[in-house]
C-alpha atoms as a PDB file:
ATOM      1  CA  MET A   1      14.245 -32.523 -44.804  1.00  0.00           C
ATOM      2  CA  SER A   2      14.716 -34.433 -41.538  1.00  0.00           C
ATOM      3  CA  GLU A   3      11.969 -34.768 -38.956  1.00  0.00           C
ATOM      4  CA  ILE A   4      11.825 -31.890 -36.477  1.00  0.00           C
ATOM      5  CA  ASP A   5      11.249 -32.431 -32.760  1.00  0.00           C
ATOM      6  CA  SER A   6       8.123 -30.317 -32.127  1.00  0.00           C
ATOM      7  CA  LYS A   7       8.486 -30.781 -28.352  1.00  0.00           C
ATOM      8  CA  GLN A   8      11.968 -29.274 -28.499  1.00  0.00           C
ATOM      9  CA  ILE A   9      10.687 -26.285 -30.483  1.00  0.00           C
ATOM     10  CA  TYR A  10       7.922 -25.632 -27.952  1.00  0.00           C
ATOM     11  CA  ALA A  11      10.461 -26.014 -25.120  1.00  0.00           C
ATOM     12  CA  ASP A  12      12.783 -23.453 -26.718  1.00  0.00           C
ATOM     13  CA  LEU A  13       9.857 -21.052 -26.926  1.00  0.00           C
ATOM     14  CA  GLY A  14       9.150 -21.512 -23.213  1.00  0.00           C
ATOM     15  CA  LEU A  15       5.820 -23.246 -23.988  1.00  0.00           C
ATOM     16  CA  ASN A  16       4.354 -26.677 -24.081  1.00  0.00           C
ATOM     17  CA  LYS A  17       1.471 -27.893 -26.228  1.00  0.00           C
ATOM     18  CA  THR A  18      -0.924 -27.838 -23.294  1.00  0.00           C
ATOM     19  CA  GLN A  19      -0.110 -24.213 -22.520  1.00  0.00           C
ATOM     20  CA  THR A  20      -0.516 -23.215 -26.156  1.00  0.00           C
ATOM     21  CA  SER A  21      -3.888 -24.904 -26.351  1.00  0.00           C
ATOM     22  CA  THR A  22      -5.020 -23.215 -23.151  1.00  0.00           C
ATOM     23  CA  THR A  23      -3.926 -19.811 -24.360  1.00  0.00           C
ATOM     24  CA  LYS A  24      -5.291 -19.951 -27.902  1.00  0.00           C
ATOM     25  CA  GLY A  25      -7.843 -22.749 -27.689  1.00  0.00           C
ATOM     26  CA  ASN A  26      -8.082 -25.681 -30.124  1.00  0.00           C
ATOM     27  CA  ASP A  27      -4.277 -25.560 -30.787  1.00  0.00           C
ATOM     28  CA  GLU A  28      -4.658 -22.282 -32.676  1.00  0.00           C
ATOM     29  CA  LEU A  29      -1.568 -20.147 -33.215  1.00  0.00           C
ATOM     30  CA  GLY A  30      -1.430 -16.417 -33.592  1.00  0.00           C
ATOM     31  CA  GLN A  31       0.788 -14.689 -36.143  1.00  0.00           C
ATOM     32  CA  ALA A  32       3.612 -14.081 -33.654  1.00  0.00           C
ATOM     33  CA  GLU A  33       3.677 -17.719 -32.490  1.00  0.00           C
ATOM     34  CA  PHE A  34       3.586 -18.946 -36.066  1.00  0.00           C
ATOM     35  CA  LEU A  35       6.588 -16.851 -37.054  1.00  0.00           C
ATOM     36  CA  GLU A  36       8.521 -18.023 -34.002  1.00  0.00           C
ATOM     37  CA  LEU A  37       7.811 -21.652 -34.836  1.00  0.00           C
ATOM     38  CA  MET A  38       8.850 -21.080 -38.439  1.00  0.00           C
ATOM     39  CA  THR A  39      12.139 -19.582 -37.192  1.00  0.00           C
ATOM     40  CA  LYS A  40      12.776 -22.582 -34.954  1.00  0.00           C
ATOM     41  CA  GLN A  41      11.877 -24.928 -37.779  1.00  0.00           C
ATOM     42  CA  LEU A  42      14.543 -23.299 -39.927  1.00  0.00           C
ATOM     43  CA  GLU A  43      17.015 -23.457 -37.027  1.00  0.00           C
ATOM     44  CA  PHE A  44      16.496 -27.196 -36.450  1.00  0.00           C
ATOM     45  CA  GLN A  45      16.439 -28.248 -40.088  1.00  0.00           C
ATOM     46  CA  ASP A  46      19.097 -30.596 -41.454  1.00  0.00           C
ATOM     47  CA  PRO A  47      21.806 -28.498 -43.145  1.00  0.00           C
ATOM     48  CA  LEU A  48      22.293 -31.308 -45.672  1.00  0.00           C
ATOM     49  CA  GLU A  49      18.588 -31.342 -46.520  1.00  0.00           C
ATOM     50  CA  PRO A  50      17.356 -27.788 -45.943  1.00  0.00           C
ATOM     51  CA  MET A  51      13.750 -26.788 -46.401  1.00  0.00           C
ATOM     52  CA  GLU A  52      13.031 -25.921 -49.986  1.00  0.00           C
ATOM     53  CA  ASN A  53      11.730 -22.460 -50.806  1.00  0.00           C
ATOM     54  CA  GLY A  54       8.517 -23.952 -52.104  1.00  0.00           C
ATOM     55  CA  ASP A  55       7.819 -25.706 -48.798  1.00  0.00           C
ATOM     56  CA  PHE A  56       8.444 -22.534 -46.829  1.00  0.00           C
ATOM     57  CA  ILE A  57       6.249 -20.452 -49.125  1.00  0.00           C
ATOM     58  CA  ALA A  58       3.501 -23.097 -48.990  1.00  0.00           C
ATOM     59  CA  GLN A  59       3.420 -22.983 -45.170  1.00  0.00           C
ATOM     60  CA  MET A  60       3.324 -19.176 -45.192  1.00  0.00           C
ATOM     61  CA  ALA A  61       0.546 -19.190 -47.779  1.00  0.00           C
ATOM     62  CA  GLN A  62      -1.468 -21.705 -45.768  1.00  0.00           C
ATOM     63  CA  PHE A  63      -1.213 -19.581 -42.639  1.00  0.00           C
ATOM     64  CA  SER A  64      -2.052 -16.393 -44.547  1.00  0.00           C
ATOM     65  CA  ALA A  65      -5.080 -18.048 -46.156  1.00  0.00           C
ATOM     66  CA  THR A  66      -6.360 -19.324 -42.803  1.00  0.00           C
ATOM     67  CA  SER A  67      -5.845 -15.946 -41.162  1.00  0.00           C
ATOM     68  CA  GLY A  68      -7.468 -14.175 -44.113  1.00  0.00           C
ATOM     69  CA  ILE A  69     -10.546 -16.417 -44.012  1.00  0.00           C
ATOM     70  CA  ALA A  70     -10.955 -15.792 -40.280  1.00  0.00           C
ATOM     71  CA  ASP A  71     -10.712 -12.021 -40.823  1.00  0.00           C
ATOM     72  CA  LEU A  72     -13.163 -12.269 -43.720  1.00  0.00           C
ATOM     73  CA  ASN A  73     -15.661 -14.209 -41.609  1.00  0.00           C
ATOM     74  CA  THR A  74     -15.418 -11.578 -38.888  1.00  0.00           C
ATOM     75  CA  ALA A  75     -15.947  -8.786 -41.415  1.00  0.00           C
ATOM     76  CA  PHE A  76     -18.959 -10.536 -42.940  1.00  0.00           C
ATOM     77  CA  SER A  77     -20.455 -11.126 -39.497  1.00  0.00           C
ATOM     78  CA  GLU A  78     -20.100  -7.456 -38.596  1.00  0.00           C
ATOM     79  CA  MET A  79     -21.516  -6.397 -41.963  1.00  0.00           C
ATOM     80  CA  SER A  80     -24.483  -8.758 -41.544  1.00  0.00           C
ATOM     81  CA  THR A  81     -25.235  -7.328 -38.103  1.00  0.00           C
ATOM     82  CA  ALA A  82     -25.058  -3.771 -39.425  1.00  0.00           C
ATOM     83  CA  PHE A  83     -27.269  -4.661 -42.393  1.00  0.00           C
ATOM     84  CA  GLN A  84     -29.868  -6.308 -40.160  1.00  0.00           C
ATOM     85  CA  SER A  85     -29.934  -3.291 -37.832  1.00  0.00           C
ATOM     86  CA  ASN A  86     -30.377  -0.945 -40.800  1.00  0.00           C
ATOM     87  CA  GLN A  87     -33.134  -3.155 -42.231  1.00  0.00           C
ATOM     88  CA  ALA A  88     -34.911  -3.182 -38.863  1.00  0.00           C
ATOM     89  CA  LEU A  89     -34.745   0.622 -38.699  1.00  0.00           C
ATOM     90  CA  GLN A  90     -36.211   0.933 -42.181  1.00  0.00           C
ATOM     91  CA  ALA A  91     -38.931  -1.618 -41.450  1.00  0.00           C
ATOM     92  CA  SER A  92     -39.949   0.175 -38.241  1.00  0.00           C
ATOM     93  CA  THR A  93     -40.869   3.259 -40.289  1.00  0.00           C
ATOM     94  CA  MET A  94     -43.514   1.178 -42.098  1.00  0.00           C
ATOM     95  CA  VAL A  95     -45.614   0.563 -38.986  1.00  0.00           C
ATOM     96  CA  GLY A  96     -49.010   2.178 -39.550  1.00  0.00           C
ATOM     97  CA  ARG A  97     -48.514   2.449 -43.316  1.00  0.00           C
ATOM     98  CA  ASP A  98     -50.245   0.514 -46.091  1.00  0.00           C
ATOM     99  CA  VAL A  99     -48.345  -1.910 -48.335  1.00  0.00           C
ATOM    100  CA  LEU A 100     -49.320  -3.881 -51.419  1.00  0.00           C
ATOM    101  CA  ILE A 101     -48.774  -7.630 -51.145  1.00  0.00           C
ATOM    102  CA  PRO A 102     -50.020 -10.651 -53.133  1.00  0.00           C
ATOM    103  CA  GLY A 103     -53.545 -11.614 -52.067  1.00  0.00           C
ATOM    104  CA  ASN A 104     -57.024 -12.416 -53.314  1.00  0.00           C
ATOM    105  CA  GLN A 105     -59.160 -10.876 -50.556  1.00  0.00           C
ATOM    106  CA  VAL A 106     -59.785  -7.165 -50.133  1.00  0.00           C
ATOM    107  CA  ARG A 107     -61.371  -5.524 -47.086  1.00  0.00           C
ATOM    108  CA  LEU A 108     -64.108  -2.949 -47.525  1.00  0.00           C
ATOM    109  CA  GLU A 109     -64.770  -0.579 -44.623  1.00  0.00           C
ATOM    110  CA  SER A 110     -68.096   1.094 -43.885  1.00  0.00           C
ATOM    111  CA  GLU A 111     -66.822   4.217 -45.648  1.00  0.00           C
ATOM    112  CA  GLY A 112     -64.307   4.989 -48.344  1.00  0.00           C
ATOM    113  CA  SER A 113     -62.789   2.827 -51.041  1.00  0.00           C
ATOM    114  CA  SER A 114     -60.416  -0.151 -51.102  1.00  0.00           C
ATOM    115  CA  LEU A 115     -57.081  -0.219 -52.921  1.00  0.00           C
ATOM    116  CA  LEU A 116     -56.020  -3.293 -54.868  1.00  0.00           C
ATOM    117  CA  ALA A 117     -53.855  -4.020 -57.881  1.00  0.00           C
ATOM    118  CA  ILE A 118     -53.141  -6.446 -60.696  1.00  0.00           C
ATOM    119  CA  ASP A 119     -49.550  -7.338 -61.589  1.00  0.00           C
ATOM    120  CA  LEU A 120     -48.881  -8.006 -65.287  1.00  0.00           C
ATOM    121  CA  ASP A 121     -45.623  -9.642 -66.358  1.00  0.00           C
ATOM    122  CA  GLN A 122     -46.318  -8.437 -69.909  1.00  0.00           C
ATOM    123  CA  SER A 123     -48.817  -6.235 -71.710  1.00  0.00           C
ATOM    124  CA  ALA A 124     -52.376  -7.504 -72.167  1.00  0.00           C
ATOM    125  CA  SER A 125     -55.025  -6.779 -74.771  1.00  0.00           C
ATOM    126  CA  ALA A 126     -57.785  -7.013 -72.160  1.00  0.00           C
ATOM    127  CA  VAL A 127     -57.918  -7.174 -68.359  1.00  0.00           C
ATOM    128  CA  THR A 128     -61.032  -7.792 -66.273  1.00  0.00           C
ATOM    129  CA  LEU A 129     -61.396  -7.640 -62.488  1.00  0.00           C
ATOM    130  CA  ASN A 130     -64.053  -9.775 -60.788  1.00  0.00           C
ATOM    131  CA  ILE A 131     -65.207  -9.094 -57.211  1.00  0.00           C
ATOM    132  CA  THR A 132     -67.269 -11.748 -55.437  1.00  0.00           C
ATOM    133  CA  ASP A 133     -68.687 -12.147 -51.935  1.00  0.00           C
ATOM    134  CA  GLU A 134     -68.013 -14.983 -49.472  1.00  0.00           C
ATOM    135  CA  PHE A 135     -70.611 -17.160 -51.229  1.00  0.00           C
ATOM    136  CA  GLY A 136     -69.005 -16.724 -54.647  1.00  0.00           C
ATOM    137  CA  GLN A 137     -71.712 -14.408 -55.934  1.00  0.00           C
ATOM    138  CA  LEU A 138     -70.445 -11.819 -58.438  1.00  0.00           C
ATOM    139  CA  ILE A 139     -70.643  -8.326 -56.933  1.00  0.00           C
ATOM    140  CA  GLN A 140     -68.813  -6.238 -59.500  1.00  0.00           C
ATOM    141  CA  ARG A 141     -67.082  -6.822 -62.825  1.00  0.00           C
ATOM    142  CA  VAL A 142     -64.654  -4.128 -63.955  1.00  0.00           C
ATOM    143  CA  ASP A 143     -63.428  -4.004 -67.563  1.00  0.00           C
ATOM    144  CA  LEU A 144     -59.976  -2.380 -67.546  1.00  0.00           C
ATOM    145  CA  GLY A 145     -59.308  -2.728 -71.290  1.00  0.00           C
ATOM    146  CA  SER A 146     -55.793  -3.117 -72.665  1.00  0.00           C
ATOM    147  CA  GLN A 147     -52.960  -2.551 -70.197  1.00  0.00           C
ATOM    148  CA  PRO A 148     -49.137  -2.347 -70.319  1.00  0.00           C
ATOM    149  CA  SER A 149     -46.957  -4.575 -68.163  1.00  0.00           C
ATOM    150  CA  GLY A 150     -46.511  -3.678 -64.512  1.00  0.00           C
ATOM    151  CA  LEU A 151     -48.866  -2.801 -61.675  1.00  0.00           C
ATOM    152  CA  ILE A 152     -52.432  -1.708 -62.379  1.00  0.00           C
ATOM    153  CA  ASN A 153     -53.679   0.220 -59.331  1.00  0.00           C
ATOM    154  CA  ILE A 154     -57.443   0.034 -58.782  1.00  0.00           C
ATOM    155  CA  GLN A 155     -59.670   1.874 -56.321  1.00  0.00           C
ATOM    156  CA  TRP A 156     -62.887  -0.052 -55.650  1.00  0.00           C
ATOM    157  CA  ASP A 157     -65.573   2.310 -54.393  1.00  0.00           C
ATOM    158  CA  GLY A 158     -67.446  -0.505 -52.662  1.00  0.00           C
ATOM    159  CA  GLN A 159     -70.357  -0.482 -55.093  1.00  0.00           C
ATOM    160  CA  ASN A 160     -71.897  -3.466 -56.868  1.00  0.00           C
ATOM    161  CA  SER A 161     -72.869  -3.642 -60.528  1.00  0.00           C
ATOM    162  CA  ASN A 162     -76.146  -1.811 -59.690  1.00  0.00           C
ATOM    163  CA  GLY A 163     -74.324   1.170 -58.206  1.00  0.00           C
ATOM    164  CA  GLU A 164     -75.274   0.252 -54.628  1.00  0.00           C
ATOM    165  CA  ARG A 165     -72.753   0.181 -51.810  1.00  0.00           C
ATOM    166  CA  VAL A 166     -72.297  -3.301 -50.374  1.00  0.00           C
ATOM    167  CA  SER A 167     -71.821  -4.256 -46.727  1.00  0.00           C
ATOM    168  CA  PRO A 168     -68.382  -3.928 -45.065  1.00  0.00           C
ATOM    169  CA  GLY A 169     -66.263  -7.072 -44.953  1.00  0.00           C
ATOM    170  CA  LEU A 170     -63.851  -9.200 -46.930  1.00  0.00           C
ATOM    171  CA  TYR A 171     -64.424  -9.747 -50.662  1.00  0.00           C
ATOM    172  CA  ASN A 172     -62.675 -12.085 -53.084  1.00  0.00           C
ATOM    173  CA  ILE A 173     -60.942 -10.734 -56.179  1.00  0.00           C
ATOM    174  CA  THR A 174     -59.769 -12.461 -59.376  1.00  0.00           C
ATOM    175  CA  ALA A 175     -58.288 -11.100 -62.577  1.00  0.00           C
ATOM    176  CA  GLU A 176     -58.784 -12.356 -66.132  1.00  0.00           C
ATOM    177  CA  VAL A 177     -55.887 -11.469 -68.411  1.00  0.00           C
ATOM    178  CA  ASN A 178     -56.018 -11.818 -72.200  1.00  0.00           C
ATOM    179  CA  GLN A 179     -52.556 -11.988 -73.721  1.00  0.00           C
ATOM    180  CA  GLY A 180     -52.268 -12.934 -77.385  1.00  0.00           C
ATOM    181  CA  GLY A 181     -55.693 -14.541 -77.431  1.00  0.00           C
ATOM    182  CA  SER A 182     -54.927 -16.712 -74.389  1.00  0.00           C
ATOM    183  CA  VAL A 183     -56.900 -15.942 -71.214  1.00  0.00           C
ATOM    184  CA  SER A 184     -55.223 -16.635 -67.867  1.00  0.00           C
ATOM    185  CA  VAL A 185     -55.629 -15.771 -64.204  1.00  0.00           C
ATOM    186  CA  GLY A 186     -53.694 -12.630 -63.285  1.00  0.00           C
ATOM    187  CA  SER A 187     -51.730 -11.941 -60.113  1.00  0.00           C
ATOM    188  CA  THR A 188     -53.729  -9.772 -57.727  1.00  0.00           C
ATOM    189  CA  LEU A 189     -52.458  -7.648 -54.846  1.00  0.00           C
ATOM    190  CA  VAL A 190     -54.248  -6.063 -51.921  1.00  0.00           C
ATOM    191  CA  ALA A 191     -53.447  -3.170 -49.615  1.00  0.00           C
ATOM    192  CA  VAL A 192     -52.953  -4.057 -45.945  1.00  0.00           C
ATOM    193  CA  GLN A 193     -51.696  -2.042 -42.986  1.00  0.00           C
ATOM    194  CA  VAL A 194     -48.431  -2.897 -41.214  1.00  0.00           C
ATOM    195  CA  GLU A 195     -49.150  -3.352 -37.500  1.00  0.00           C
ATOM    196  CA  SER A 196     -45.739  -4.432 -36.157  1.00  0.00           C
ATOM    197  CA  VAL A 197     -42.240  -5.628 -37.080  1.00  0.00           C
ATOM    198  CA  THR A 198     -40.516  -8.727 -35.692  1.00  0.00           C
ATOM    199  CA  LEU A 199     -36.711  -8.907 -35.899  1.00  0.00           C
ATOM    200  CA  GLY A 200     -35.244 -12.088 -37.358  1.00  0.00           C
ATOM    201  CA  GLN A 201     -32.552 -14.115 -35.592  1.00  0.00           C
ATOM    202  CA  ALA A 202     -29.363 -15.691 -36.950  1.00  0.00           C
ATOM    203  CA  GLY A 203     -29.701 -14.055 -40.355  1.00  0.00           C
ATOM    204  CA  GLN A 204     -33.419 -14.727 -40.703  1.00  0.00           C
ATOM    205  CA  GLU A 205     -35.560 -12.234 -42.584  1.00  0.00           C
ATOM    206  CA  LEU A 206     -37.663  -9.626 -40.814  1.00  0.00           C
ATOM    207  CA  THR A 207     -41.334 -10.475 -40.321  1.00  0.00           C
ATOM    208  CA  LEU A 208     -44.146  -7.938 -40.635  1.00  0.00           C
ATOM    209  CA  THR A 209     -47.541  -8.398 -39.008  1.00  0.00           C
ATOM    210  CA  VAL A 210     -50.267  -6.944 -41.234  1.00  0.00           C
ATOM    211  CA  SER A 211     -54.025  -6.556 -40.949  1.00  0.00           C
ATOM    212  CA  ASP A 212     -56.193  -9.514 -42.031  1.00  0.00           C
ATOM    213  CA  LEU A 213     -53.261 -11.740 -43.069  1.00  0.00           C
ATOM    214  CA  GLY A 214     -51.024 -11.939 -39.988  1.00  0.00           C
ATOM    215  CA  ASP A 215     -47.280 -12.449 -40.519  1.00  0.00           C
ATOM    216  CA  ILE A 216     -45.588 -11.886 -43.874  1.00  0.00           C
ATOM    217  CA  SER A 217     -41.962 -11.530 -44.975  1.00  0.00           C
ATOM    218  CA  MET A 218     -40.359  -8.335 -46.275  1.00  0.00           C
ATOM    219  CA  SER A 219     -39.875  -9.948 -49.679  1.00  0.00           C
ATOM    220  CA  GLN A 220     -43.658 -10.176 -50.194  1.00  0.00           C
ATOM    221  CA  ILE A 221     -44.079  -6.401 -50.272  1.00  0.00           C
ATOM    222  CA  ARG A 222     -44.506  -5.037 -53.812  1.00  0.00           C
ATOM    223  CA  LYS A 223     -45.213  -1.414 -52.951  1.00  0.00           C
ATOM    224  CA  ILE A 224     -45.167   0.874 -49.899  1.00  0.00           C
ATOM    225  CA  MET A 225     -47.782   3.617 -49.852  1.00  0.00           C
END
């Protein structure tokens, strides 16, 4: 196929390259302009060496693919915005509620009990919870026996091993897990209250501000109560 004078094609369309760039930006063509250019390209081709069907189809496919990707990007952007708005609405309903998140410190108030949990990836023949104060002194040791996999919810009544209620404050918790004769440290979770929600930007995850720990991500929440 002989070389085609692109300036002549633009002139026949009543445009020049500068005008096209100004209208579309970055030399982008819309579907109508593309079809007009394709028509002119066919009109100016050498009759002795006409454009092969494969070449024509390839150009059409390239334009369709580019247009399709642009439409897909727009659709994904709109879907992402809608998803983020929906996630923000759901997260806002958690303000004031308690959630279980990974942690090794539990707060005891002057009255009532404290909720905590142990997360087992598989069943255990024996599970023991240890509660210590800020100096590492053992306050309470709770034998939970054999347990299936999953979350073990525990309500600590705030009492020490002598049955006396201890002072309010933060206490450390650790779990000993016996699985097949091998003892390991278990994953502990604590209940905290959601105080506020911060919206993420540019696809970033939502951030929750919780009591005692500050900011956490939505993915850290194991259970909403």
